[in-house]
Amino acid sequence: KNLQRGFLVRLPDTFMDVNGETMHVTMMCPRGILFLFHGCNRYAASFYYSPQGRQLVSSALEHGFVTVAVKKKEELGCWSWNDDAETVLQLGKKFLQTRYQDECRNHHGQTVYPPIFGFGASSGGKFVGQLASEMKKNGDAYFPF
């Protein structure tokens, strides 16, 4: 499968007050990760510029979630389980393992991945529903995604 697809990622802004000075900090391990799947004839980037998408992303970021808009190979196309599932699975696993395997640890030093959520519009919604169903049936095959 062609793994030339990618993600558009936004990290939550976190600010701390240190001795009266506001400092920007980066969360090493977010409260959660929200994967976004666009609808037919839309771009993954539309989650970051359309009014509805910006509202969804802003709310997620305010609550400490990383947002990840998944790009399709033929970006304006509709999501299809048969065409896209394996690639999304591999990309999701790679994304989590390369970004959070060393950052998210419990008090015993074991890797603990942040909770994962999905949202999809149109065919993206159908895709997320099927992805959740498949993950429930066969969680080991989808771990850590």
C-alpha atoms as a PDB file:
ATOM      1  CA  LYS A   1       0.000   0.000   0.000  1.00  0.00           C
ATOM      2  CA  ASN A   2       1.052   3.561  -0.670  1.00  0.00           C
ATOM      3  CA  LEU A   3       1.901   5.278   2.617  1.00  0.00           C
ATOM      4  CA  GLN A   4       2.444   8.691   0.986  1.00  0.00           C
ATOM      5  CA  ARG A   5      -0.538  10.078   2.857  1.00  0.00           C
ATOM      6  CA  GLY A   6      -0.042  12.181   5.881  1.00  0.00           C
ATOM      7  CA  PHE A   7      -1.533  14.216   8.667  1.00  0.00           C
ATOM      8  CA  LEU A   8      -2.125  17.838   9.505  1.00  0.00           C
ATOM      9  CA  VAL A   9      -1.415  18.139  13.224  1.00  0.00           C
ATOM     10  CA  ARG A  10      -2.230  20.888  15.716  1.00  0.00           C
ATOM     11  CA  LEU A  11      -0.940  20.803  19.284  1.00  0.00           C
ATOM     12  CA  PRO A  12      -2.745  22.486  22.165  1.00  0.00           C
ATOM     13  CA  ASP A  13      -1.313  25.781  23.397  1.00  0.00           C
ATOM     14  CA  THR A  14      -0.488  25.560  27.061  1.00  0.00           C
ATOM     15  CA  PHE A  15       0.611  28.516  29.106  1.00  0.00           C
ATOM     16  CA  MET A  16       1.988  28.603  32.638  1.00  0.00           C
ATOM     17  CA  ASP A  17       2.550  31.473  35.021  1.00  0.00           C
ATOM     18  CA  VAL A  18       6.056  31.307  36.466  1.00  0.00           C
ATOM     19  CA  ASN A  19       6.891  34.076  38.940  1.00  0.00           C
ATOM     20  CA  GLY A  20       4.475  36.451  37.218  1.00  0.00           C
ATOM     21  CA  GLU A  21       5.758  35.661  33.726  1.00  0.00           C
ATOM     22  CA  THR A  22       3.562  33.763  31.266  1.00  0.00           C
ATOM     23  CA  MET A  23       5.440  31.025  29.455  1.00  0.00           C
ATOM     24  CA  HIS A  24       4.340  28.828  26.545  1.00  0.00           C
ATOM     25  CA  VAL A  25       4.933  25.138  27.188  1.00  0.00           C
ATOM     26  CA  THR A  26       4.403  22.044  25.092  1.00  0.00           C
ATOM     27  CA  MET A  27       2.597  19.062  26.571  1.00  0.00           C
ATOM     28  CA  MET A  28       4.730  15.994  26.029  1.00  0.00           C
ATOM     29  CA  CYS A  29       1.715  13.725  26.480  1.00  0.00           C
ATOM     30  CA  PRO A  30      -1.664  15.201  25.523  1.00  0.00           C
ATOM     31  CA  ARG A  31      -4.958  14.507  27.289  1.00  0.00           C
ATOM     32  CA  GLY A  32      -6.152  12.813  24.120  1.00  0.00           C
ATOM     33  CA  ILE A  33      -5.832  12.678  20.363  1.00  0.00           C
ATOM     34  CA  LEU A  34      -8.689  13.497  18.010  1.00  0.00           C
ATOM     35  CA  PHE A  35      -8.317  11.999  14.528  1.00  0.00           C
ATOM     36  CA  LEU A  36     -10.375  13.890  11.936  1.00  0.00           C
ATOM     37  CA  PHE A  37     -11.628  12.404   8.647  1.00  0.00           C
ATOM     38  CA  HIS A  38     -12.985  14.885   6.095  1.00  0.00           C
ATOM     39  CA  GLY A  39     -16.030  14.433   3.916  1.00  0.00           C
ATOM     40  CA  CYS A  40     -16.279  13.858   0.179  1.00  0.00           C
ATOM     41  CA  ASN A  41     -14.999  16.744  -1.962  1.00  0.00           C
ATOM     42  CA  ARG A  42     -13.277  18.336   1.048  1.00  0.00           C
ATOM     43  CA  TYR A  43      -9.665  18.667   2.100  1.00  0.00           C
ATOM     44  CA  ALA A  44      -8.205  17.510   5.415  1.00  0.00           C
ATOM     45  CA  ALA A  45      -7.186  21.138   5.913  1.00  0.00           C
ATOM     46  CA  SER A  46     -10.846  22.196   5.870  1.00  0.00           C
ATOM     47  CA  PHE A  47     -11.002  21.272   9.559  1.00  0.00           C
ATOM     48  CA  TYR A  48      -8.607  24.183  10.141  1.00  0.00           C
ATOM     49  CA  TYR A  49     -10.273  26.848   7.978  1.00  0.00           C
ATOM     50  CA  SER A  50     -14.024  26.150   7.713  1.00  0.00           C
ATOM     51  CA  PRO A  51     -16.158  27.735  10.487  1.00  0.00           C
ATOM     52  CA  GLN A  52     -17.490  24.360  11.715  1.00  0.00           C
ATOM     53  CA  GLY A  53     -14.070  22.717  11.541  1.00  0.00           C
ATOM     54  CA  ARG A  54     -12.372  25.582  13.373  1.00  0.00           C
ATOM     55  CA  GLN A  55     -14.979  25.407  16.133  1.00  0.00           C
ATOM     56  CA  LEU A  56     -14.431  21.646  16.552  1.00  0.00           C
ATOM     57  CA  VAL A  57     -10.634  21.969  16.517  1.00  0.00           C
ATOM     58  CA  SER A  58     -10.626  24.968  18.883  1.00  0.00           C
ATOM     59  CA  SER A  59     -12.714  23.089  21.420  1.00  0.00           C
ATOM     60  CA  ALA A  60     -10.450  20.041  21.229  1.00  0.00           C
ATOM     61  CA  LEU A  61      -7.309  22.151  21.623  1.00  0.00           C
ATOM     62  CA  GLU A  62      -8.787  24.068  24.578  1.00  0.00           C
ATOM     63  CA  HIS A  63      -9.297  20.740  26.337  1.00  0.00           C
ATOM     64  CA  GLY A  64      -5.698  19.604  25.779  1.00  0.00           C
ATOM     65  CA  PHE A  65      -6.257  17.351  22.766  1.00  0.00           C
ATOM     66  CA  VAL A  66      -3.972  17.055  19.777  1.00  0.00           C
ATOM     67  CA  THR A  67      -5.943  17.211  16.526  1.00  0.00           C
ATOM     68  CA  VAL A  68      -4.866  15.113  13.570  1.00  0.00           C
ATOM     69  CA  ALA A  69      -6.597  15.653  10.223  1.00  0.00           C
ATOM     70  CA  VAL A  70      -5.952  12.606   8.065  1.00  0.00           C
ATOM     71  CA  LYS A  71      -5.166  13.234   4.389  1.00  0.00           C
ATOM     72  CA  LYS A  72      -6.390  10.889   1.677  1.00  0.00           C
ATOM     73  CA  LYS A  73      -4.176   9.936  -1.244  1.00  0.00           C
ATOM     74  CA  GLU A  74      -6.747  11.445  -3.624  1.00  0.00           C
ATOM     75  CA  GLU A  75      -7.598  14.177  -1.184  1.00  0.00           C
ATOM     76  CA  LEU A  76     -10.968  15.294  -2.541  1.00  0.00           C
ATOM     77  CA  GLY A  77     -12.230  11.718  -2.724  1.00  0.00           C
ATOM     78  CA  CYS A  78     -14.580   9.876  -0.397  1.00  0.00           C
ATOM     79  CA  TRP A  79     -13.306   7.525   2.298  1.00  0.00           C
ATOM     80  CA  SER A  80     -13.662   3.840   1.511  1.00  0.00           C
ATOM     81  CA  TRP A  81     -13.011   1.034   3.966  1.00  0.00           C
ATOM     82  CA  ASN A  82     -11.697  -1.267   1.234  1.00  0.00           C
ATOM     83  CA  ASP A  83      -9.320   1.347  -0.195  1.00  0.00           C
ATOM     84  CA  ASP A  84      -8.211   3.223   2.911  1.00  0.00           C
ATOM     85  CA  ALA A  85      -8.420   1.036   6.028  1.00  0.00           C
ATOM     86  CA  GLU A  86      -5.025  -0.653   5.880  1.00  0.00           C
ATOM     87  CA  THR A  87      -3.168   2.565   5.099  1.00  0.00           C
ATOM     88  CA  VAL A  88      -4.948   4.491   7.865  1.00  0.00           C
ATOM     89  CA  LEU A  89      -4.169   1.683  10.313  1.00  0.00           C
ATOM     90  CA  GLN A  90      -0.466   1.702   9.441  1.00  0.00           C
ATOM     91  CA  LEU A  91      -0.224   5.504   9.510  1.00  0.00           C
ATOM     92  CA  GLY A  92      -2.120   5.719  12.809  1.00  0.00           C
ATOM     93  CA  LYS A  93       0.162   3.186  14.462  1.00  0.00           C
ATOM     94  CA  LYS A  94       3.268   4.920  13.117  1.00  0.00           C
ATOM     95  CA  PHE A  95       2.010   8.322  14.242  1.00  0.00           C
ATOM     96  CA  LEU A  96       1.397   7.158  17.812  1.00  0.00           C
ATOM     97  CA  GLN A  97       4.569   5.090  18.137  1.00  0.00           C
ATOM     98  CA  THR A  98       6.903   7.770  16.776  1.00  0.00           C
ATOM     99  CA  ARG A  99       5.384  10.688  18.699  1.00  0.00           C
ATOM    100  CA  TYR A 100       4.197   9.280  22.024  1.00  0.00           C
ATOM    101  CA  GLN A 101       5.918   5.978  22.782  1.00  0.00           C
ATOM    102  CA  ASP A 102       8.648   7.684  24.792  1.00  0.00           C
ATOM    103  CA  GLU A 103       6.671  10.695  26.083  1.00  0.00           C
ATOM    104  CA  CYS A 104       3.609   9.065  27.652  1.00  0.00           C
ATOM    105  CA  ARG A 105       4.568   6.936  30.629  1.00  0.00           C
ATOM    106  CA  ASN A 106       2.848   5.877  33.825  1.00  0.00           C
ATOM    107  CA  HIS A 107       4.498   6.003  37.255  1.00  0.00           C
ATOM    108  CA  HIS A 108       6.070   2.564  36.580  1.00  0.00           C
ATOM    109  CA  GLY A 109       7.783   3.870  33.434  1.00  0.00           C
ATOM    110  CA  GLN A 110       5.538   1.897  31.062  1.00  0.00           C
ATOM    111  CA  THR A 111       4.265   3.474  27.833  1.00  0.00           C
ATOM    112  CA  VAL A 112       0.639   4.547  28.134  1.00  0.00           C
ATOM    113  CA  TYR A 113      -0.880   6.020  24.981  1.00  0.00           C
ATOM    114  CA  PRO A 114      -3.312   8.921  25.281  1.00  0.00           C
ATOM    115  CA  PRO A 115      -7.011   8.198  24.678  1.00  0.00           C
ATOM    116  CA  ILE A 116      -7.909   8.228  20.991  1.00  0.00           C
ATOM    117  CA  PHE A 117     -11.071   9.706  19.517  1.00  0.00           C
ATOM    118  CA  GLY A 118     -12.322   9.988  15.963  1.00  0.00           C
ATOM    119  CA  PHE A 119     -14.632  12.358  14.135  1.00  0.00           C
ATOM    120  CA  GLY A 120     -15.669  12.128  10.525  1.00  0.00           C
ATOM    121  CA  ALA A 121     -17.889  14.127   8.197  1.00  0.00           C
ATOM    122  CA  SER A 122     -19.877  12.437   5.436  1.00  0.00           C
ATOM    123  CA  SER A 123     -17.880   9.435   4.210  1.00  0.00           C
ATOM    124  CA  GLY A 124     -15.344  10.222   6.948  1.00  0.00           C
ATOM    125  CA  GLY A 125     -18.085   9.610   9.520  1.00  0.00           C
ATOM    126  CA  LYS A 126     -18.931   6.259   8.009  1.00  0.00           C
ATOM    127  CA  PHE A 127     -15.227   5.390   7.954  1.00  0.00           C
ATOM    128  CA  VAL A 128     -14.784   6.328  11.647  1.00  0.00           C
ATOM    129  CA  GLY A 129     -17.817   4.216  12.566  1.00  0.00           C
ATOM    130  CA  GLN A 130     -16.411   1.184  10.794  1.00  0.00           C
ATOM    131  CA  LEU A 131     -12.949   1.805  12.252  1.00  0.00           C
ATOM    132  CA  ALA A 132     -14.391   1.884  15.785  1.00  0.00           C
ATOM    133  CA  SER A 133     -16.337  -1.301  15.137  1.00  0.00           C
ATOM    134  CA  GLU A 134     -13.260  -3.115  13.810  1.00  0.00           C
ATOM    135  CA  MET A 135     -11.134  -1.874  16.723  1.00  0.00           C
ATOM    136  CA  LYS A 136     -13.687  -3.226  19.174  1.00  0.00           C
ATOM    137  CA  LYS A 137     -13.681  -6.653  17.467  1.00  0.00           C
ATOM    138  CA  ASN A 138      -9.921  -6.965  17.136  1.00  0.00           C
ATOM    139  CA  GLY A 139      -8.187  -4.491  19.447  1.00  0.00           C
ATOM    140  CA  ASP A 140      -4.806  -6.215  19.354  1.00  0.00           C
ATOM    141  CA  ALA A 141      -4.505  -5.777  15.579  1.00  0.00           C
ATOM    142  CA  TYR A 142      -5.148  -2.054  15.913  1.00  0.00           C
ATOM    143  CA  PHE A 143      -2.988  -1.329  18.973  1.00  0.00           C
ATOM    144  CA  PRO A 144      -1.834   1.308  19.671  1.00  0.00           C
ATOM    145  CA  PHE A 145      -4.138   2.977  17.147  1.00  0.00           C
END
